[in-house]
Amino acid sequence: MRRFASLLVFFAVPAALFAQQSAAPQPAATAEAPAQPVLDAEALIAQSNWQAAESKLNVWLTTHPTDARALFDAGYAADAQNQLDNAAAFYRRAIAADPSSLEAHLSLGLLLARQGKLDEARPELEKSTTLDPGAAGPALKARAWRALAQIDRAQDPAQASTDLMEALKLSPETPDDTLLAAELAESTGDLDGAEKAYRRLLAQNPKSVDANEGLAHILIARNQYPEAETLLRTALAQSPDNPTLTAQLATVLADEDKGEALPLLEKLHTDHPQNTAITSMLAEVRAEAGDLAGSDQLYTTLLAASPRDPSLLIAHGQNQIRMMRFAEAYQVFEQATQAAPANADAWSGLAFAASKMNRPSVVIQALTERAKYEPDN
């Protein structure tokens, strides 16, 4: 596959990491019957009248500062108003008042995870998986396992899979679970498992953009371009403005050497001019279409931001050679060999440019260096 394959996932904009779990759970049940002011506040919470509920709870907590249920409700109301620091403080006080509250541990863990404080979130979520959910039922504990799976997915996909399995023991599989299972399988190299999961999700919902993107990624990785093209054209008919699907189709068409890739990439570049992956891909396709000047203009822009990027330097140097600017190419390939001494393509380019400039000693040196990394051709 071409070196611009990174574009395949560049546009992936997953749902917020913990969007599924972002809403705070219902107010916690306690062994003692709640006081009437707390019940009144919960009725206001049920109506999403957060400020009125907050006022009632603040009055009550002035004289009952260790009421775990009221503290949890106050955290709930603050959470709903995006007062995250206040919410975290109330949840912590609720935990101090009642360490066995699964809801308080879970809500604090989810809040911390949404703030990106994953190291702090994990202990709260892990604790909530060990507690009795009470009347809330096992689904609440499953929520904690799913949150742990989201935390683990990047650093430890195997553990994330275990977390997800624990969640599925407690509640039915959801489409989000199937998607996560597919992504975890793909991240561990189990492309067959990932493909099966993506296809299972598409069987349930053929319009799932995430599943179409995921399956297309698998097919492209396996060089199954005709099937990927068919899949992507169908998906784009349903979501014509989706940039990830468009980028994937452009990748497929470019690898199939179809002329449609260029106009697709030109439009993507117009819509996303700061996206370096698109710019790089467009530069390569322009060069292959014979627009060397247009291609090199893009490489020059990219190199201004990343002057020692070996892949950009090599592509820029190759354009210079094709335009017969051998002195410029020589300088560019010198920079490329300095930036990436183990890159055989950089040494090949330097050898060719040196031969055109009648510098045989440099040619011999460059070919000698190249031979350290790839066989002579």
Protein backbone atom coordinates (compact mmCIF):
# COMPACT_ATOMS: atom_id res chain seq x y z
CA MET A 1 0.00 0.00 0.00
CA ARG A 2 1.14 3.57 -0.62
CA ARG A 3 2.91 5.51 2.07
CA PHE A 4 -0.15 7.73 2.51
CA ALA A 5 -2.07 4.84 4.06
CA SER A 6 -2.15 6.76 7.34
CA LEU A 7 -4.94 8.80 5.78
CA LEU A 8 -7.24 5.85 6.22
CA VAL A 9 -7.80 6.66 9.86
CA PHE A 10 -6.80 10.33 9.92
CA PHE A 11 -10.38 11.51 9.79
CA ALA A 12 -11.71 9.04 12.31
CA VAL A 13 -13.61 11.15 14.82
CA PRO A 14 -14.88 8.67 17.38
CA ALA A 15 -17.73 9.54 19.65
CA ALA A 16 -16.53 11.11 22.90
CA LEU A 17 -14.58 8.48 24.76
CA PHE A 18 -17.18 8.08 27.45
CA ALA A 19 -20.24 9.51 25.73
CA GLN A 20 -22.17 6.32 26.32
CA GLN A 21 -21.58 6.62 30.03
CA SER A 22 -21.63 10.38 30.36
CA ALA A 23 -25.04 10.78 31.96
CA ALA A 24 -24.93 10.45 35.72
CA PRO A 25 -26.82 7.45 37.15
CA GLN A 26 -30.07 7.87 38.98
CA PRO A 27 -29.81 9.02 42.59
CA ALA A 28 -28.50 6.37 44.91
CA ALA A 29 -30.68 4.29 47.14
CA THR A 30 -29.78 4.19 50.82
CA ALA A 31 -30.70 1.96 53.72
CA GLU A 32 -32.54 4.77 55.50
CA ALA A 33 -35.57 6.47 54.00
CA PRO A 34 -34.51 9.80 52.52
CA ALA A 35 -35.70 13.00 54.10
CA GLN A 36 -38.47 14.93 52.39
CA PRO A 37 -36.21 17.81 51.25
CA VAL A 38 -34.00 15.27 49.49
CA LEU A 39 -37.02 13.66 47.82
CA ASP A 40 -38.21 17.10 46.74
CA ALA A 41 -34.79 17.80 45.23
CA GLU A 42 -34.87 14.48 43.38
CA ALA A 43 -38.28 15.36 41.94
CA LEU A 44 -36.73 18.55 40.59
CA ILE A 45 -33.80 16.55 39.20
CA ALA A 46 -36.27 14.31 37.39
CA GLN A 47 -37.62 17.47 35.74
CA SER A 48 -34.07 18.61 34.87
CA ASN A 49 -34.60 21.64 37.09
CA TRP A 50 -31.01 21.58 38.21
CA GLN A 51 -30.70 24.97 39.86
CA ALA A 52 -33.81 24.54 42.00
CA ALA A 53 -32.62 21.09 43.04
CA GLU A 54 -29.19 22.51 43.82
CA SER A 55 -30.69 25.19 46.04
CA LYS A 56 -32.72 22.70 48.04
CA LEU A 57 -29.78 20.35 48.46
CA ASN A 58 -27.44 23.14 49.55
CA VAL A 59 -29.86 24.14 52.29
CA TRP A 60 -30.25 20.55 53.45
CA LEU A 61 -26.52 19.82 53.40
CA THR A 62 -25.81 22.85 55.57
CA THR A 63 -27.29 20.96 58.50
CA HIS A 64 -26.78 17.39 57.22
CA PRO A 65 -23.26 17.45 55.69
CA THR A 66 -22.80 13.65 55.74
CA ASP A 67 -26.07 12.67 54.07
CA ALA A 68 -24.64 10.37 51.36
CA ARG A 69 -27.77 10.41 49.22
CA ALA A 70 -28.05 14.20 49.29
CA LEU A 71 -24.34 14.53 48.51
CA PHE A 72 -24.71 12.20 45.54
CA ASP A 73 -27.74 14.14 44.30
CA ALA A 74 -25.79 17.39 44.61
CA GLY A 75 -23.01 15.85 42.53
CA TYR A 76 -25.58 14.68 40.00
CA ALA A 77 -27.01 18.20 39.65
CA ALA A 78 -23.57 19.80 39.37
CA ASP A 79 -22.52 17.16 36.81
CA ALA A 80 -25.57 17.89 34.69
CA GLN A 81 -24.66 21.59 34.70
CA ASN A 82 -21.08 20.80 33.67
CA GLN A 83 -19.75 22.05 37.01
CA LEU A 84 -17.26 19.23 37.00
CA ASP A 85 -15.04 20.28 39.90
CA ASN A 86 -18.06 20.79 42.15
CA ALA A 87 -19.55 17.50 41.01
CA ALA A 88 -16.31 15.63 41.75
CA ALA A 89 -16.14 17.18 45.21
CA PHE A 90 -19.71 16.11 46.00
CA TYR A 91 -19.12 12.59 44.69
CA ARG A 92 -16.00 12.29 46.85
CA ARG A 93 -17.95 13.46 49.91
CA ALA A 94 -20.69 10.93 49.09
CA ILE A 95 -18.07 8.17 48.94
CA ALA A 96 -16.60 9.29 52.26
CA ALA A 97 -20.08 9.16 53.79
CA ASP A 98 -20.91 5.78 52.20
CA PRO A 99 -17.92 3.89 50.76
CA SER A 100 -20.21 1.12 49.52
CA SER A 101 -22.06 3.39 47.07
CA LEU A 102 -21.51 1.92 43.63
CA GLU A 103 -23.26 4.91 42.05
CA ALA A 104 -20.92 7.44 43.65
CA HIS A 105 -17.75 5.55 42.71
CA LEU A 106 -19.04 5.00 39.18
CA SER A 107 -20.12 8.61 38.67
CA LEU A 108 -16.83 9.94 39.98
CA GLY A 109 -14.88 7.53 37.75
CA LEU A 110 -16.86 8.51 34.66
CA LEU A 111 -16.47 12.19 35.39
CA LEU A 112 -12.71 11.87 35.86
CA ALA A 113 -12.47 9.85 32.64
CA ARG A 114 -14.31 12.56 30.72
CA GLN A 115 -11.75 15.02 32.04
CA GLY A 116 -8.93 12.83 30.77
CA LYS A 117 -7.79 11.91 34.30
CA LEU A 118 -7.67 8.22 33.48
CA ASP A 119 -5.24 7.26 36.24
CA GLU A 120 -7.63 8.71 38.80
CA ALA A 121 -10.70 7.31 37.09
CA ARG A 122 -9.53 3.70 37.00
CA PRO A 123 -9.54 3.01 40.78
CA GLU A 124 -13.06 4.42 41.11
CA LEU A 125 -14.36 2.35 38.21
CA GLU A 126 -12.59 -0.79 39.41
CA LYS A 127 -14.06 -0.29 42.89
CA SER A 128 -17.55 0.07 41.46
CA THR A 129 -17.24 -3.33 39.74
CA THR A 130 -16.84 -4.94 43.18
CA LEU A 131 -19.84 -3.32 44.86
CA ASP A 132 -23.47 -4.37 45.14
CA PRO A 133 -25.56 -2.41 42.61
CA GLY A 134 -28.68 -2.97 44.69
CA ALA A 135 -31.95 -1.98 43.06
CA ALA A 136 -30.10 -0.47 40.11
CA GLY A 137 -29.28 -3.99 38.94
CA PRO A 138 -26.29 -5.48 37.13
CA ALA A 139 -26.56 -3.07 34.20
CA LEU A 140 -24.98 -0.37 36.37
CA LYS A 141 -21.97 -2.55 37.10
CA ALA A 142 -21.76 -3.40 33.39
CA ARG A 143 -21.48 0.32 32.75
CA ALA A 144 -18.34 0.40 34.86
CA TRP A 145 -16.81 -2.50 32.93
CA ARG A 146 -17.54 -0.76 29.63
CA ALA A 147 -15.86 2.40 30.89
CA LEU A 148 -12.79 0.39 31.89
CA ALA A 149 -12.74 -1.15 28.41
CA GLN A 150 -12.64 2.35 26.92
CA ILE A 151 -9.76 3.33 29.19
CA ASP A 152 -7.79 0.17 28.35
CA ARG A 153 -8.43 0.11 24.60
CA ALA A 154 -5.39 2.19 23.63
CA GLN A 155 -2.72 0.83 25.97
CA ASP A 156 -3.91 -2.72 26.65
CA PRO A 157 -6.39 -4.06 24.06
CA ALA A 158 -6.29 -7.55 25.58
CA GLN A 159 -7.39 -6.19 28.96
CA ALA A 160 -10.01 -4.07 27.23
CA SER A 161 -11.42 -7.23 25.65
CA THR A 162 -11.59 -8.84 29.11
CA ASP A 163 -13.36 -5.75 30.47
CA LEU A 164 -15.87 -5.92 27.64
CA MET A 165 -16.52 -9.62 28.24
CA GLU A 166 -17.27 -8.86 31.90
CA ALA A 167 -19.78 -6.24 30.79
CA LEU A 168 -21.45 -8.72 28.43
CA LYS A 169 -21.89 -11.18 31.27
CA LEU A 170 -24.10 -8.60 32.97
CA SER A 171 -26.02 -7.02 30.09
CA PRO A 172 -26.87 -7.74 26.43
CA GLU A 173 -24.44 -6.81 23.67
CA THR A 174 -25.07 -3.42 22.09
CA PRO A 175 -23.97 -2.13 18.67
CA ASP A 176 -21.32 -0.06 20.45
CA ASP A 177 -20.03 -3.25 22.07
CA THR A 178 -19.78 -4.95 18.68
CA LEU A 179 -17.93 -1.96 17.25
CA LEU A 180 -15.51 -1.90 20.18
CA ALA A 181 -14.92 -5.64 19.84
CA ALA A 182 -14.09 -5.14 16.15
CA GLU A 183 -11.69 -2.29 16.89
CA LEU A 184 -9.98 -4.25 19.64
CA ALA A 185 -9.58 -7.28 17.37
CA GLU A 186 -8.07 -5.07 14.67
CA SER A 187 -5.66 -3.42 17.11
CA THR A 188 -4.34 -6.84 18.16
CA GLY A 189 -3.90 -7.98 14.54
CA ASP A 190 -6.93 -10.26 14.49
CA LEU A 191 -8.23 -9.04 11.14
CA ASP A 192 -10.52 -12.04 10.70
CA GLY A 193 -12.18 -11.37 14.04
CA ALA A 194 -12.46 -7.68 13.27
CA GLU A 195 -14.00 -8.35 9.86
CA LYS A 196 -16.59 -10.70 11.34
CA ALA A 197 -17.57 -8.13 13.96
CA TYR A 198 -17.83 -5.30 11.42
CA ARG A 199 -19.94 -7.48 9.12
CA ARG A 200 -22.17 -8.50 12.04
CA LEU A 201 -22.74 -4.86 12.84
CA LEU A 202 -23.50 -4.03 9.20
CA ALA A 203 -25.99 -6.89 9.06
CA GLN A 204 -27.86 -5.14 11.86
CA ASN A 205 -27.38 -1.63 10.50
CA PRO A 206 -26.10 -1.32 6.90
CA LYS A 207 -25.90 2.47 7.31
CA SER A 208 -23.46 2.35 10.23
CA VAL A 209 -20.70 4.75 9.21
CA ASP A 210 -18.31 3.37 11.83
CA ALA A 211 -18.80 -0.19 10.64
CA ASN A 212 -18.38 0.78 6.98
CA GLU A 213 -15.21 2.71 7.78
CA GLY A 214 -13.87 -0.17 9.85
CA LEU A 215 -14.59 -2.87 7.28
CA ALA A 216 -13.18 -0.70 4.49
CA HIS A 217 -10.00 -0.28 6.52
CA ILE A 218 -9.67 -4.07 6.82
CA LEU A 219 -10.29 -4.62 3.10
CA ILE A 220 -7.75 -1.96 2.13
CA ALA A 221 -5.17 -3.44 4.49
CA ARG A 222 -5.64 -6.74 2.65
CA ASN A 223 -5.45 -5.05 -0.77
CA GLN A 224 -9.02 -6.15 -1.54
CA TYR A 225 -9.61 -2.97 -3.50
CA PRO A 226 -12.60 -3.92 -5.71
CA GLU A 227 -14.65 -5.05 -2.69
CA ALA A 228 -13.55 -1.99 -0.71
CA GLU A 229 -14.54 0.28 -3.60
CA THR A 230 -18.01 -1.24 -3.82
CA LEU A 231 -18.49 -0.96 -0.07
CA LEU A 232 -17.33 2.64 0.04
CA ARG A 233 -19.42 3.78 -2.92
CA THR A 234 -22.51 2.32 -1.26
CA ALA A 235 -21.64 3.93 2.07
CA LEU A 236 -20.98 7.31 0.44
CA ALA A 237 -24.33 7.16 -1.30
CA GLN A 238 -25.81 7.20 2.20
CA SER A 239 -23.31 9.67 3.71
CA PRO A 240 -21.97 11.69 0.76
CA ASP A 241 -20.13 14.30 2.84
CA ASN A 242 -18.32 11.92 5.16
CA PRO A 243 -14.60 12.83 4.94
CA THR A 244 -13.26 9.51 6.23
CA LEU A 245 -15.21 7.45 3.70
CA THR A 246 -14.19 9.87 0.96
CA ALA A 247 -10.53 9.63 1.96
CA GLN A 248 -10.75 5.85 2.00
CA LEU A 249 -12.32 5.77 -1.47
CA ALA A 250 -9.61 8.11 -2.74
CA THR A 251 -7.00 5.72 -1.32
CA VAL A 252 -8.61 2.76 -3.07
CA LEU A 253 -8.94 4.58 -6.38
CA ALA A 254 -5.33 5.74 -6.22
CA ASP A 255 -4.11 2.23 -5.53
CA GLU A 256 -6.22 1.02 -8.46
CA ASP A 257 -4.69 3.80 -10.59
CA LYS A 258 -8.11 5.24 -11.37
CA GLY A 259 -8.31 8.87 -12.39
CA GLU A 260 -11.23 9.56 -10.06
CA ALA A 261 -8.82 9.72 -7.13
CA LEU A 262 -7.45 13.12 -8.14
CA PRO A 263 -10.71 15.15 -8.12
CA LEU A 264 -11.74 13.49 -4.87
CA LEU A 265 -8.47 14.49 -3.26
CA GLU A 266 -8.61 18.01 -4.69
CA LYS A 267 -12.00 18.48 -3.04
CA LEU A 268 -10.80 17.00 0.24
CA HIS A 269 -7.81 19.31 0.19
CA THR A 270 -10.02 22.31 -0.46
CA ASP A 271 -12.28 21.33 2.43
CA HIS A 272 -9.39 20.45 4.78
CA PRO A 273 -6.37 22.52 3.69
CA GLN A 274 -4.52 22.04 7.00
CA ASN A 275 -4.75 18.25 6.92
CA THR A 276 -1.19 17.13 6.20
CA ALA A 277 -2.18 13.56 5.37
CA ILE A 278 -4.53 14.76 2.61
CA THR A 279 -1.96 17.25 1.32
CA SER A 280 0.71 14.55 1.13
CA MET A 281 -1.59 12.13 -0.62
CA LEU A 282 -2.72 14.77 -3.10
CA ALA A 283 0.91 15.69 -3.81
CA GLU A 284 1.70 12.07 -4.66
CA VAL A 285 -1.34 11.61 -6.89
CA ARG A 286 -0.65 14.89 -8.67
CA ALA A 287 2.88 13.69 -9.40
CA GLU A 288 1.59 10.40 -10.78
CA ALA A 289 -0.85 12.33 -12.97
CA GLY A 290 2.05 14.33 -14.39
CA ASP A 291 1.43 17.60 -12.55
CA LEU A 292 4.95 17.79 -11.13
CA ALA A 293 4.86 21.53 -10.45
CA GLY A 294 1.53 21.27 -8.62
CA SER A 295 2.78 18.29 -6.66
CA ASP A 296 6.01 20.00 -5.68
CA GLN A 297 4.20 23.11 -4.54
CA LEU A 298 2.39 20.95 -1.97
CA TYR A 299 5.60 19.21 -0.88
CA THR A 300 7.27 22.60 -0.41
CA THR A 301 4.41 23.67 1.85
CA LEU A 302 4.64 20.47 3.86
CA LEU A 303 8.42 20.75 4.20
CA ALA A 304 8.11 24.27 5.56
CA ALA A 305 6.42 22.74 8.59
CA SER A 306 8.50 19.53 8.71
CA PRO A 307 11.85 20.29 7.07
CA ARG A 308 13.53 17.03 8.14
CA ASP A 309 10.72 14.62 7.26
CA PRO A 310 12.54 11.96 5.16
CA SER A 311 9.47 10.83 3.22
CA LEU A 312 8.67 14.41 2.20
CA LEU A 313 12.28 15.13 1.27
CA ILE A 314 12.50 11.99 -0.88
CA ALA A 315 9.24 12.76 -2.67
CA HIS A 316 10.36 16.36 -3.22
CA GLY A 317 13.71 15.14 -4.54
CA GLN A 318 12.04 12.69 -6.91
CA ASN A 319 9.94 15.52 -8.32
CA GLN A 320 13.09 17.59 -8.88
CA ILE A 321 14.71 14.73 -10.79
CA ARG A 322 11.64 14.23 -12.97
CA MET A 323 11.73 17.97 -13.74
CA MET A 324 15.46 17.57 -14.51
CA ARG A 325 16.49 19.94 -11.74
CA PHE A 326 19.42 17.77 -10.75
CA ALA A 327 21.31 20.32 -8.65
CA GLU A 328 18.20 20.97 -6.54
CA ALA A 329 17.54 17.22 -6.27
CA TYR A 330 21.14 16.64 -5.14
CA GLN A 331 20.73 19.10 -2.27
CA VAL A 332 17.38 17.63 -1.25
CA PHE A 333 18.67 14.06 -1.21
CA GLU A 334 21.70 15.12 0.81
CA GLN A 335 19.27 16.45 3.42
CA ALA A 336 17.25 13.23 3.23
CA THR A 337 20.30 11.03 3.88
CA GLN A 338 21.23 13.21 6.85
CA ALA A 339 17.69 13.02 8.23
CA ALA A 340 17.39 9.26 7.65
CA PRO A 341 20.79 7.59 7.17
CA ALA A 342 19.22 4.12 6.99
CA ASN A 343 16.76 5.01 4.23
CA ALA A 344 17.77 3.22 1.03
CA ASP A 345 15.54 5.42 -1.14
CA ALA A 346 17.36 8.53 0.06
CA TRP A 347 20.75 7.02 -0.95
CA SER A 348 19.33 5.88 -4.31
CA GLY A 349 18.11 9.38 -5.04
CA LEU A 350 21.44 10.90 -4.05
CA ALA A 351 23.31 8.43 -6.27
CA PHE A 352 21.11 9.21 -9.27
CA ALA A 353 21.33 12.98 -8.79
CA ALA A 354 25.11 12.75 -8.34
CA SER A 355 25.45 10.71 -11.54
CA LYS A 356 23.62 13.42 -13.47
CA MET A 357 26.00 16.01 -12.03
CA ASN A 358 29.10 13.93 -12.91
CA ARG A 359 30.14 13.26 -9.32
CA PRO A 360 31.23 9.61 -9.50
CA SER A 361 32.80 9.52 -6.04
CA VAL A 362 29.47 10.55 -4.49
CA VAL A 363 27.67 7.95 -6.63
CA ILE A 364 29.96 5.20 -5.31
CA GLN A 365 29.62 6.38 -1.73
CA ALA A 366 25.82 6.62 -1.97
CA LEU A 367 25.47 3.16 -3.54
CA THR A 368 27.80 1.71 -0.91
CA GLU A 369 25.61 3.16 1.84
CA ARG A 370 22.45 1.96 0.12
CA ALA A 371 23.80 -1.59 -0.06
CA LYS A 372 23.92 -1.69 3.74
CA TYR A 373 20.13 -1.57 3.87
CA GLU A 374 18.85 -3.13 0.65
CA PRO A 375 20.31 -5.50 -1.96
CA ASP A 376 21.74 -3.95 -5.11
CA ASN A 377 19.40 -3.79 -8.07
